């Protein structure tokens, strides 16, 4: 897989280079039936102890990134860092960490 941040170069970014259009998102990302438990590991201001959330997995058709897993939370499109697992202190379970990639604009 290519460097995940280079995926941003595949799009025409808007809003201070932090946002892709809804049309680009819908054209290149597909929601799967799969779901993942993940954590933001504190950068969301809530999950400092590894508290997890659950979301649908998205996949992309852009060459070089077909194996990457993405989630959409609110307007943010995040990728799952497959090499980073975080301990949820309350349950003792490990969850993958989600990292922000880009925001998705409104339709």
PDB file of N, CA and C in Angstrom:
ATOM      1  N   UNK A   1       0.847  -1.184   0.000  1.00  0.00           N
ATOM      2  CA  UNK A   1       0.000   0.000   0.000  1.00  0.00           C
ATOM      3  C   UNK A   1       0.890   1.244   0.000  1.00  0.00           C
ATOM      4  N   UNK A   2       0.464   2.235  -0.728  1.00  0.00           N
ATOM      5  CA  UNK A   2       1.176   3.504  -0.787  1.00  0.00           C
ATOM      6  C   UNK A   2       1.000   4.276   0.521  1.00  0.00           C
ATOM      7  N   UNK A   3       1.793   5.319   0.699  1.00  0.00           N
ATOM      8  CA  UNK A   3       1.654   6.199   1.853  1.00  0.00           C
ATOM      9  C   UNK A   3       0.230   6.760   1.875  1.00  0.00           C
ATOM     10  N   UNK A   4      -0.448   6.593   2.993  1.00  0.00           N
ATOM     11  CA  UNK A   4      -1.866   6.934   3.073  1.00  0.00           C
ATOM     12  C   UNK A   4      -2.119   8.426   2.857  1.00  0.00           C
ATOM     13  N   UNK A   5      -1.221   9.289   3.281  1.00  0.00           N
ATOM     14  CA  UNK A   5      -1.448  10.722   3.099  1.00  0.00           C
ATOM     15  C   UNK A   5      -1.323  11.155   1.650  1.00  0.00           C
ATOM     16  N   UNK A   6      -0.658  10.362   0.833  1.00  0.00           N
ATOM     17  CA  UNK A   6      -0.590  10.684  -0.591  1.00  0.00           C
ATOM     18  C   UNK A   6      -1.935  10.472  -1.278  1.00  0.00           C
ATOM     19  N   UNK A   7      -2.823   9.749  -0.633  1.00  0.00           N
ATOM     20  CA  UNK A   7      -4.177   9.572  -1.165  1.00  0.00           C
ATOM     21  C   UNK A   7      -4.860  10.922  -1.320  1.00  0.00           C
ATOM     22  N   UNK A   8      -4.559  11.846  -0.438  1.00  0.00           N
ATOM     23  CA  UNK A   8      -5.154  13.186  -0.531  1.00  0.00           C
ATOM     24  C   UNK A   8      -4.811  13.867  -1.857  1.00  0.00           C
ATOM     25  N   UNK A   9      -3.657  13.538  -2.428  1.00  0.00           N
ATOM     26  CA  UNK A   9      -3.239  14.152  -3.691  1.00  0.00           C
ATOM     27  C   UNK A   9      -4.076  13.693  -4.873  1.00  0.00           C
ATOM     28  N   UNK A  10      -4.868  12.653  -4.686  1.00  0.00           N
ATOM     29  CA  UNK A  10      -5.726  12.149  -5.755  1.00  0.00           C
ATOM     30  C   UNK A  10      -6.965  13.025  -5.960  1.00  0.00           C
ATOM     31  N   UNK A  11      -7.195  13.946  -5.050  1.00  0.00           N
ATOM     32  CA  UNK A  11      -8.407  14.768  -5.080  1.00  0.00           C
ATOM     33  C   UNK A  11      -8.051  16.240  -5.209  1.00  0.00           C
ATOM     34  N   UNK A  12      -9.044  16.999  -5.662  1.00  0.00           N
ATOM     35  CA  UNK A  12      -8.920  18.449  -5.670  1.00  0.00           C
ATOM     36  C   UNK A  12      -9.433  18.923  -4.312  1.00  0.00           C
ATOM     37  N   UNK A  13      -8.522  19.303  -3.436  1.00  0.00           N
ATOM     38  CA  UNK A  13      -8.889  19.667  -2.069  1.00  0.00           C
ATOM     39  C   UNK A  13      -9.457  21.074  -1.989  1.00  0.00           C
ATOM     40  N   UNK A  14     -10.394  21.247  -1.104  1.00  0.00           N
ATOM     41  CA  UNK A  14     -11.066  22.529  -0.871  1.00  0.00           C
ATOM     42  C   UNK A  14     -10.827  22.944   0.581  1.00  0.00           C
ATOM     43  N   UNK A  15     -11.300  24.123   0.947  1.00  0.00           N
ATOM     44  CA  UNK A  15     -11.334  24.587   2.332  1.00  0.00           C
ATOM     45  C   UNK A  15      -9.975  24.408   3.021  1.00  0.00           C
ATOM     46  N   UNK A  16      -9.005  25.176   2.586  1.00  0.00           N
ATOM     47  CA  UNK A  16      -7.645  25.119   3.146  1.00  0.00           C
ATOM     48  C   UNK A  16      -7.003  23.731   3.010  1.00  0.00           C
ATOM     49  N   UNK A  17      -7.302  23.064   1.924  1.00  0.00           N
ATOM     50  CA  UNK A  17      -6.747  21.731   1.619  1.00  0.00           C
ATOM     51  C   UNK A  17      -7.072  20.681   2.675  1.00  0.00           C
ATOM     52  N   UNK A  18      -8.265  20.776   3.251  1.00  0.00           N
ATOM     53  CA  UNK A  18      -8.674  19.806   4.271  1.00  0.00           C
ATOM     54  C   UNK A  18      -9.937  19.061   3.900  1.00  0.00           C
ATOM     55  N   UNK A  19     -10.518  19.322   2.722  1.00  0.00           N
ATOM     56  CA  UNK A  19     -11.840  18.785   2.410  1.00  0.00           C
ATOM     57  C   UNK A  19     -11.922  18.313   0.961  1.00  0.00           C
ATOM     58  N   UNK A  20     -12.584  17.164   0.782  1.00  0.00           N
ATOM     59  CA  UNK A  20     -12.909  16.701  -0.563  1.00  0.00           C
ATOM     60  C   UNK A  20     -14.408  16.902  -0.766  1.00  0.00           C
ATOM     61  N   UNK A  21     -14.827  16.892  -1.995  1.00  0.00           N
ATOM     62  CA  UNK A  21     -16.249  17.089  -2.278  1.00  0.00           C
ATOM     63  C   UNK A  21     -17.025  15.810  -1.979  1.00  0.00           C
ATOM     64  N   UNK A  22     -18.295  15.969  -1.737  1.00  0.00           N
ATOM     65  CA  UNK A  22     -19.175  14.819  -1.513  1.00  0.00           C
ATOM     66  C   UNK A  22     -19.176  13.936  -2.753  1.00  0.00           C
ATOM     67  N   UNK A  23     -19.134  14.540  -3.937  1.00  0.00           N
ATOM     68  CA  UNK A  23     -19.129  13.774  -5.191  1.00  0.00           C
ATOM     69  C   UNK A  23     -17.885  12.899  -5.284  1.00  0.00           C
ATOM     70  N   UNK A  24     -16.717  13.428  -4.925  1.00  0.00           N
ATOM     71  CA  UNK A  24     -15.489  12.625  -4.929  1.00  0.00           C
ATOM     72  C   UNK A  24     -15.593  11.476  -3.938  1.00  0.00           C
ATOM     73  N   UNK A  25     -16.118  11.754  -2.762  1.00  0.00           N
ATOM     74  CA  UNK A  25     -16.267  10.709  -1.759  1.00  0.00           C
ATOM     75  C   UNK A  25     -17.174   9.593  -2.261  1.00  0.00           C
ATOM     76  N   UNK A  26     -18.322   9.957  -2.794  1.00  0.00           N
ATOM     77  CA  UNK A  26     -19.277   8.950  -3.265  1.00  0.00           C
ATOM     78  C   UNK A  26     -18.764   8.194  -4.483  1.00  0.00           C
ATOM     79  N   UNK A  27     -17.932   8.835  -5.291  1.00  0.00           N
ATOM     80  CA  UNK A  27     -17.407   8.188  -6.493  1.00  0.00           C
ATOM     81  C   UNK A  27     -16.285   7.191  -6.175  1.00  0.00           C
ATOM     82  N   UNK A  28     -15.539   7.434  -5.106  1.00  0.00           N
ATOM     83  CA  UNK A  28     -14.348   6.623  -4.854  1.00  0.00           C
ATOM     84  C   UNK A  28     -14.378   5.777  -3.592  1.00  0.00           C
ATOM     85  N   UNK A  29     -15.375   5.958  -2.744  1.00  0.00           N
ATOM     86  CA  UNK A  29     -15.448   5.184  -1.501  1.00  0.00           C
ATOM     87  C   UNK A  29     -16.773   4.441  -1.439  1.00  0.00           C
ATOM     88  N   UNK A  30     -16.702   3.184  -1.025  1.00  0.00           N
ATOM     89  CA  UNK A  30     -17.880   2.325  -0.955  1.00  0.00           C
ATOM     90  C   UNK A  30     -18.031   1.797   0.461  1.00  0.00           C
ATOM     91  N   UNK A  31     -19.236   1.939   0.991  1.00  0.00           N
ATOM     92  CA  UNK A  31     -19.536   1.419   2.325  1.00  0.00           C
ATOM     93  C   UNK A  31     -19.703  -0.088   2.233  1.00  0.00           C
ATOM     94  N   UNK A  32     -19.040  -0.824   3.131  1.00  0.00           N
ATOM     95  CA  UNK A  32     -19.152  -2.274   3.143  1.00  0.00           C
ATOM     96  C   UNK A  32     -20.098  -2.710   4.253  1.00  0.00           C
ATOM     97  N   UNK A  33     -20.385  -3.991   4.292  1.00  0.00           N
ATOM     98  CA  UNK A  33     -21.208  -4.520   5.379  1.00  0.00           C
ATOM     99  C   UNK A  33     -20.392  -4.699   6.654  1.00  0.00           C
ATOM    100  N   UNK A  34     -19.077  -4.677   6.516  1.00  0.00           N
ATOM    101  CA  UNK A  34     -18.201  -4.867   7.665  1.00  0.00           C
ATOM    102  C   UNK A  34     -18.224  -3.685   8.617  1.00  0.00           C
ATOM    103  N   UNK A  35     -18.017  -3.975   9.884  1.00  0.00           N
ATOM    104  CA  UNK A  35     -17.932  -2.946  10.912  1.00  0.00           C
ATOM    105  C   UNK A  35     -16.642  -3.157  11.698  1.00  0.00           C
ATOM    106  N   UNK A  36     -16.167  -2.095  12.322  1.00  0.00           N
ATOM    107  CA  UNK A  36     -14.935  -2.169  13.096  1.00  0.00           C
ATOM    108  C   UNK A  36     -15.101  -1.395  14.399  1.00  0.00           C
ATOM    109  N   UNK A  37     -14.539  -1.957  15.462  1.00  0.00           N
ATOM    110  CA  UNK A  37     -14.400  -1.236  16.720  1.00  0.00           C
ATOM    111  C   UNK A  37     -13.059  -0.531  16.659  1.00  0.00           C
ATOM    112  N   UNK A  38     -13.033   0.755  16.932  1.00  0.00           N
ATOM    113  CA  UNK A  38     -11.813   1.549  16.811  1.00  0.00           C
ATOM    114  C   UNK A  38     -11.773   2.572  17.937  1.00  0.00           C
ATOM    115  N   UNK A  39     -10.643   3.228  18.081  1.00  0.00           N
ATOM    116  CA  UNK A  39     -10.514   4.314  19.042  1.00  0.00           C
ATOM    117  C   UNK A  39      -9.815   5.492  18.382  1.00  0.00           C
ATOM    118  N   UNK A  40     -10.146   6.674  18.845  1.00  0.00           N
ATOM    119  CA  UNK A  40      -9.438   7.872  18.401  1.00  0.00           C
ATOM    120  C   UNK A  40      -8.241   8.147  19.322  1.00  0.00           C
ATOM    121  N   UNK A  41      -8.125   7.402  20.403  1.00  0.00           N
ATOM    122  CA  UNK A  41      -7.002   7.480  21.337  1.00  0.00           C
ATOM    123  C   UNK A  41      -6.787   8.881  21.894  1.00  0.00           C
ATOM    124  N   UNK A  42      -7.867   9.567  22.208  1.00  0.00           N
ATOM    125  CA  UNK A  42      -7.786  10.842  22.904  1.00  0.00           C
ATOM    126  C   UNK A  42      -7.860  12.081  22.060  1.00  0.00           C
ATOM    127  N   UNK A  43      -7.534  12.024  20.779  1.00  0.00           N
ATOM    128  CA  UNK A  43      -7.522  13.262  20.014  1.00  0.00           C
ATOM    129  C   UNK A  43      -8.912  13.788  19.711  1.00  0.00           C
ATOM    130  N   UNK A  44      -9.959  12.994  20.006  1.00  0.00           N
ATOM    131  CA  UNK A  44     -11.328  13.482  19.854  1.00  0.00           C
ATOM    132  C   UNK A  44     -11.806  14.196  21.116  1.00  0.00           C
ATOM    133  N   UNK A  45     -10.950  14.251  22.146  1.00  0.00           N
ATOM    134  CA  UNK A  45     -11.315  14.916  23.391  1.00  0.00           C
ATOM    135  C   UNK A  45     -12.123  14.054  24.336  1.00  0.00           C
ATOM    136  N   UNK A  46     -12.291  12.768  24.013  1.00  0.00           N
ATOM    137  CA  UNK A  46     -13.128  11.885  24.817  1.00  0.00           C
ATOM    138  C   UNK A  46     -12.447  10.569  25.169  1.00  0.00           C
ATOM    139  N   UNK A  47     -11.725  10.000  24.269  1.00  0.00           N
ATOM    140  CA  UNK A  47     -11.274   8.612  24.412  1.00  0.00           C
ATOM    141  C   UNK A  47      -9.849   8.494  24.951  1.00  0.00           C
ATOM    142  N   UNK A  48      -9.559   9.190  26.035  1.00  0.00           N
ATOM    143  CA  UNK A  48      -8.210   9.179  26.590  1.00  0.00           C
ATOM    144  C   UNK A  48      -7.811   7.824  27.153  1.00  0.00           C
ATOM    145  N   UNK A  49      -8.781   7.009  27.537  1.00  0.00           N
ATOM    146  CA  UNK A  49      -8.486   5.681  28.062  1.00  0.00           C
ATOM    147  C   UNK A  49      -8.779   4.590  27.042  1.00  0.00           C
ATOM    148  N   UNK A  50      -8.719   4.936  25.760  1.00  0.00           N
ATOM    149  CA  UNK A  50      -8.898   3.957  24.696  1.00  0.00           C
ATOM    150  C   UNK A  50     -10.335   3.585  24.416  1.00  0.00           C
ATOM    151  N   UNK A  51     -11.295   4.375  24.934  1.00  0.00           N
ATOM    152  CA  UNK A  51     -12.704   4.049  24.698  1.00  0.00           C
ATOM    153  C   UNK A  51     -12.954   3.876  23.205  1.00  0.00           C
ATOM    154  N   UNK A  52     -13.700   2.830  22.892  1.00  0.00           N
ATOM    155  CA  UNK A  52     -13.901   2.489  21.490  1.00  0.00           C
ATOM    156  C   UNK A  52     -15.255   2.945  20.980  1.00  0.00           C
ATOM    157  N   UNK A  53     -15.328   3.017  19.679  1.00  0.00           N
ATOM    158  CA  UNK A  53     -16.561   3.303  18.954  1.00  0.00           C
ATOM    159  C   UNK A  53     -16.666   2.253  17.860  1.00  0.00           C
ATOM    160  N   UNK A  54     -17.808   2.200  17.229  1.00  0.00           N
ATOM    161  CA  UNK A  54     -18.026   1.231  16.152  1.00  0.00           C
ATOM    162  C   UNK A  54     -18.532   1.988  14.929  1.00  0.00           C
ATOM    163  N   UNK A  55     -18.022   1.586  13.755  1.00  0.00           N
ATOM    164  CA  UNK A  55     -18.431   2.242  12.507  1.00  0.00           C
ATOM    165  C   UNK A  55     -18.339   1.250  11.355  1.00  0.00           C
ATOM    166  N   UNK A  56     -19.045   1.580  10.278  1.00  0.00           N
ATOM    167  CA  UNK A  56     -18.948   0.793   9.048  1.00  0.00           C
ATOM    168  C   UNK A  56     -17.609   1.059   8.381  1.00  0.00           C
ATOM    169  N   UNK A  57     -17.099   0.051   7.726  1.00  0.00           N
ATOM    170  CA  UNK A  57     -15.836   0.149   7.001  1.00  0.00           C
ATOM    171  C   UNK A  57     -16.137   0.593   5.573  1.00  0.00           C
ATOM    172  N   UNK A  58     -15.326   1.507   5.085  1.00  0.00           N
ATOM    173  CA  UNK A  58     -15.388   1.945   3.692  1.00  0.00           C
ATOM    174  C   UNK A  58     -14.124   1.467   2.996  1.00  0.00           C
ATOM    175  N   UNK A  59     -14.245   1.206   1.703  1.00  0.00           N
ATOM    176  CA  UNK A  59     -13.106   0.846   0.853  1.00  0.00           C
ATOM    177  C   UNK A  59     -13.051   1.823  -0.311  1.00  0.00           C
ATOM    178  N   UNK A  60     -11.879   1.943  -0.910  1.00  0.00           N
ATOM    179  CA  UNK A  60     -11.717   2.841  -2.051  1.00  0.00           C
ATOM    180  C   UNK A  60     -11.304   2.063  -3.296  1.00  0.00           C
ATOM    181  N   UNK A  61     -11.573   2.648  -4.445  1.00  0.00           N
ATOM    182  CA  UNK A  61     -11.186   2.038  -5.715  1.00  0.00           C
ATOM    183  C   UNK A  61      -9.923   2.671  -6.288  1.00  0.00           C
ATOM    184  N   UNK A  62      -9.286   3.541  -5.549  1.00  0.00           N
ATOM    185  CA  UNK A  62      -8.086   4.221  -6.028  1.00  0.00           C
ATOM    186  C   UNK A  62      -6.911   3.249  -5.971  1.00  0.00           C
ATOM    187  N   UNK A  63      -6.213   3.052  -7.096  1.00  0.00           N
ATOM    188  CA  UNK A  63      -5.118   2.084  -7.147  1.00  0.00           C
ATOM    189  C   UNK A  63      -4.059   2.353  -6.076  1.00  0.00           C
ATOM    190  N   UNK A  64      -3.657   1.275  -5.403  1.00  0.00           N
ATOM    191  CA  UNK A  64      -2.649   1.364  -4.364  1.00  0.00           C
ATOM    192  C   UNK A  64      -3.222   1.451  -2.963  1.00  0.00           C
ATOM    193  N   UNK A  65      -4.530   1.704  -2.852  1.00  0.00           N
ATOM    194  CA  UNK A  65      -5.164   1.870  -1.544  1.00  0.00           C
ATOM    195  C   UNK A  65      -6.337   0.911  -1.339  1.00  0.00           C
ATOM    196  N   UNK A  66      -6.440  -0.100  -2.195  1.00  0.00           N
ATOM    197  CA  UNK A  66      -7.574  -1.017  -2.133  1.00  0.00           C
ATOM    198  C   UNK A  66      -7.636  -1.804  -0.822  1.00  0.00           C
ATOM    199  N   UNK A  67      -6.513  -2.030  -0.171  1.00  0.00           N
ATOM    200  CA  UNK A  67      -6.486  -2.806   1.066  1.00  0.00           C
ATOM    201  C   UNK A  67      -6.704  -1.962   2.314  1.00  0.00           C
ATOM    202  N   UNK A  68      -6.677  -0.660   2.187  1.00  0.00           N
ATOM    203  CA  UNK A  68      -6.847   0.223   3.345  1.00  0.00           C
ATOM    204  C   UNK A  68      -8.312   0.239   3.785  1.00  0.00           C
ATOM    205  N   UNK A  69      -8.498   0.353   5.104  1.00  0.00           N
ATOM    206  CA  UNK A  69      -9.846   0.476   5.647  1.00  0.00           C
ATOM    207  C   UNK A  69     -10.060   1.915   6.105  1.00  0.00           C
ATOM    208  N   UNK A  70     -11.245   2.430   5.800  1.00  0.00           N
ATOM    209  CA  UNK A  70     -11.604   3.793   6.153  1.00  0.00           C
ATOM    210  C   UNK A  70     -12.906   3.770   6.933  1.00  0.00           C
ATOM    211  N   UNK A  71     -13.123   4.810   7.734  1.00  0.00           N
ATOM    212  CA  UNK A  71     -14.399   5.005   8.416  1.00  0.00           C
ATOM    213  C   UNK A  71     -14.782   6.458   8.241  1.00  0.00           C
ATOM    214  N   UNK A  72     -16.067   6.727   8.313  1.00  0.00           N
ATOM    215  CA  UNK A  72     -16.552   8.098   8.251  1.00  0.00           C
ATOM    216  C   UNK A  72     -17.303   8.380   9.538  1.00  0.00           C
ATOM    217  N   UNK A  73     -16.834   9.377  10.266  1.00  0.00           N
ATOM    218  CA  UNK A  73     -17.465   9.797  11.511  1.00  0.00           C
ATOM    219  C   UNK A  73     -17.766  11.278  11.372  1.00  0.00           C
ATOM    220  N   UNK A  74     -19.059  11.622  11.372  1.00  0.00           N
ATOM    221  CA  UNK A  74     -19.431  13.003  11.111  1.00  0.00           C
ATOM    222  C   UNK A  74     -18.992  13.377   9.713  1.00  0.00           C
ATOM    223  N   UNK A  75     -18.304  14.506   9.597  1.00  0.00           N
ATOM    224  CA  UNK A  75     -17.808  14.909   8.277  1.00  0.00           C
ATOM    225  C   UNK A  75     -16.398  14.396   8.011  1.00  0.00           C
ATOM    226  N   UNK A  76     -15.765  13.777   9.005  1.00  0.00           N
ATOM    227  CA  UNK A  76     -14.391  13.329   8.867  1.00  0.00           C
ATOM    228  C   UNK A  76     -14.262  11.945   8.264  1.00  0.00           C
ATOM    229  N   UNK A  77     -13.347  11.812   7.323  1.00  0.00           N
ATOM    230  CA  UNK A  77     -12.988  10.521   6.762  1.00  0.00           C
ATOM    231  C   UNK A  77     -11.661  10.142   7.401  1.00  0.00           C
ATOM    232  N   UNK A  78     -11.619   8.980   8.037  1.00  0.00           N
ATOM    233  CA  UNK A  78     -10.452   8.532   8.776  1.00  0.00           C
ATOM    234  C   UNK A  78      -9.972   7.206   8.207  1.00  0.00           C
ATOM    235  N   UNK A  79      -8.706   6.930   8.345  1.00  0.00           N
ATOM    236  CA  UNK A  79      -8.183   5.632   7.955  1.00  0.00           C
ATOM    237  C   UNK A  79      -7.830   4.855   9.219  1.00  0.00           C
ATOM    238  N   UNK A  80      -7.881   3.547   9.122  1.00  0.00           N
ATOM    239  CA  UNK A  80      -7.536   2.675  10.235  1.00  0.00           C
ATOM    240  C   UNK A  80      -6.042   2.375  10.159  1.00  0.00           C
ATOM    241  N   UNK A  81      -5.328   2.714  11.208  1.00  0.00           N
ATOM    242  CA  UNK A  81      -3.900   2.433  11.290  1.00  0.00           C
ATOM    243  C   UNK A  81      -3.739   0.979  11.724  1.00  0.00           C
ATOM    244  N   UNK A  82      -3.480   0.121  10.784  1.00  0.00           N
ATOM    245  CA  UNK A  82      -3.412  -1.318  11.037  1.00  0.00           C
ATOM    246  C   UNK A  82      -2.241  -1.697  11.949  1.00  0.00           C
ATOM    247  N   UNK A  83      -1.266  -0.833  12.084  1.00  0.00           N
ATOM    248  CA  UNK A  83      -0.093  -1.130  12.903  1.00  0.00           C
ATOM    249  C   UNK A  83      -0.213  -0.605  14.326  1.00  0.00           C
ATOM    250  N   UNK A  84      -1.317   0.036  14.657  1.00  0.00           N
ATOM    251  CA  UNK A  84      -1.468   0.633  15.981  1.00  0.00           C
ATOM    252  C   UNK A  84      -2.701   0.066  16.673  1.00  0.00           C
ATOM    253  N   UNK A  85      -2.487  -0.643  17.773  1.00  0.00           N
ATOM    254  CA  UNK A  85      -3.583  -1.139  18.600  1.00  0.00           C
ATOM    255  C   UNK A  85      -3.504  -0.451  19.954  1.00  0.00           C
ATOM    256  N   UNK A  86      -4.655  -0.019  20.472  1.00  0.00           N
ATOM    257  CA  UNK A  86      -4.716   0.721  21.724  1.00  0.00           C
ATOM    258  C   UNK A  86      -5.567  -0.058  22.714  1.00  0.00           C
ATOM    259  N   UNK A  87      -5.103  -0.126  23.943  1.00  0.00           N
ATOM    260  CA  UNK A  87      -5.807  -0.835  25.001  1.00  0.00           C
ATOM    261  C   UNK A  87      -6.946   0.020  25.538  1.00  0.00           C
ATOM    262  N   UNK A  88      -8.142  -0.550  25.566  1.00  0.00           N
ATOM    263  CA  UNK A  88      -9.284   0.103  26.203  1.00  0.00           C
ATOM    264  C   UNK A  88      -9.250  -0.320  27.675  1.00  0.00           C
ATOM    265  N   UNK A  89      -8.962   0.622  28.555  1.00  0.00           N
ATOM    266  CA  UNK A  89      -8.738   0.303  29.969  1.00  0.00           C
ATOM    267  C   UNK A  89      -9.957  -0.323  30.638  1.00  0.00           C
ATOM    268  N   UNK A  90     -11.149   0.077  30.260  1.00  0.00           N
ATOM    269  CA  UNK A  90     -12.363  -0.431  30.901  1.00  0.00           C
ATOM    270  C   UNK A  90     -12.626  -1.902  30.594  1.00  0.00           C
ATOM    271  N   UNK A  91     -12.268  -2.340  29.390  1.00  0.00           N
ATOM    272  CA  UNK A  91     -12.592  -3.712  28.988  1.00  0.00           C
ATOM    273  C   UNK A  91     -11.370  -4.614  28.843  1.00  0.00           C
ATOM    274  N   UNK A  92     -10.209  -4.023  28.697  1.00  0.00           N
ATOM    275  CA  UNK A  92      -9.007  -4.812  28.477  1.00  0.00           C
ATOM    276  C   UNK A  92      -8.838  -5.267  27.045  1.00  0.00           C
ATOM    277  N   UNK A  93      -9.689  -4.789  26.148  1.00  0.00           N
ATOM    278  CA  UNK A  93      -9.619  -5.168  24.734  1.00  0.00           C
ATOM    279  C   UNK A  93      -8.740  -4.175  23.972  1.00  0.00           C
ATOM    280  N   UNK A  94      -8.102  -4.677  22.930  1.00  0.00           N
ATOM    281  CA  UNK A  94      -7.304  -3.814  22.061  1.00  0.00           C
ATOM    282  C   UNK A  94      -8.118  -3.461  20.827  1.00  0.00           C
ATOM    283  N   UNK A  95      -8.010  -2.198  20.403  1.00  0.00           N
ATOM    284  CA  UNK A  95      -8.722  -1.722  19.218  1.00  0.00           C
ATOM    285  C   UNK A  95      -7.749  -0.974  18.319  1.00  0.00           C
ATOM    286  N   UNK A  96      -8.020  -1.007  17.040  1.00  0.00           N
ATOM    287  CA  UNK A  96      -7.215  -0.263  16.079  1.00  0.00           C
ATOM    288  C   UNK A  96      -7.470   1.231  16.255  1.00  0.00           C
ATOM    289  N   UNK A  97      -6.446   2.002  15.938  1.00  0.00           N
ATOM    290  CA  UNK A  97      -6.556   3.453  16.062  1.00  0.00           C
ATOM    291  C   UNK A  97      -6.964   4.062  14.729  1.00  0.00           C
ATOM    292  N   UNK A  98      -7.886   5.021  14.786  1.00  0.00           N
ATOM    293  CA  UNK A  98      -8.322   5.737  13.588  1.00  0.00           C
ATOM    294  C   UNK A  98      -7.591   7.067  13.518  1.00  0.00           C
ATOM    295  N   UNK A  99      -7.122   7.415  12.334  1.00  0.00           N
ATOM    296  CA  UNK A  99      -6.395   8.661  12.102  1.00  0.00           C
ATOM    297  C   UNK A  99      -7.142   9.491  11.063  1.00  0.00           C
ATOM    298  N   UNK A 100      -7.245  10.789  11.303  1.00  0.00           N
ATOM    299  CA  UNK A 100      -7.952  11.678  10.382  1.00  0.00           C
ATOM    300  C   UNK A 100      -7.201  11.754   9.056  1.00  0.00           C
ATOM    301  N   UNK A 101      -7.977  11.730   7.973  1.00  0.00           N
ATOM    302  CA  UNK A 101      -7.404  11.852   6.650  1.00  0.00           C
ATOM    303  C   UNK A 101      -7.859  13.141   5.981  1.00  0.00           C
ATOM    304  N   UNK A 102      -9.169  13.331   5.920  1.00  0.00           N
ATOM    305  CA  UNK A 102      -9.722  14.497   5.231  1.00  0.00           C
ATOM    306  C   UNK A 102     -11.191  14.630   5.624  1.00  0.00           C
ATOM    307  N   UNK A 103     -11.740  15.828   5.494  1.00  0.00           N
ATOM    308  CA  UNK A 103     -13.170  16.036   5.716  1.00  0.00           C
ATOM    309  C   UNK A 103     -13.913  15.861   4.392  1.00  0.00           C
ATOM    310  N   UNK A 104     -15.188  15.531   4.503  1.00  0.00           N
ATOM    311  CA  UNK A 104     -16.038  15.362   3.320  1.00  0.00           C
ATOM    312  C   UNK A 104     -17.052  16.497   3.316  1.00  0.00           C
ATOM    313  N   UNK A 105     -17.096  17.245   2.221  1.00  0.00           N
ATOM    314  CA  UNK A 105     -18.002  18.379   2.110  1.00  0.00           C
ATOM    315  C   UNK A 105     -19.452  17.941   1.993  1.00  0.00           C
ATOM    316  N   UNK A 106     -20.313  18.891   2.198  1.00  0.00           N
ATOM    317  CA  UNK A 106     -21.741  18.627   2.050  1.00  0.00           C
ATOM    318  C   UNK A 106     -22.138  18.551   0.590  1.00  0.00           C
ATOM    319  N   UNK A 107     -23.252  17.908   0.348  1.00  0.00           N
ATOM    320  CA  UNK A 107     -23.730  17.724  -1.034  1.00  0.00           C
ATOM    321  C   UNK A 107     -24.146  19.032  -1.659  1.00  0.00           C
TER     322      UNK A 107
END
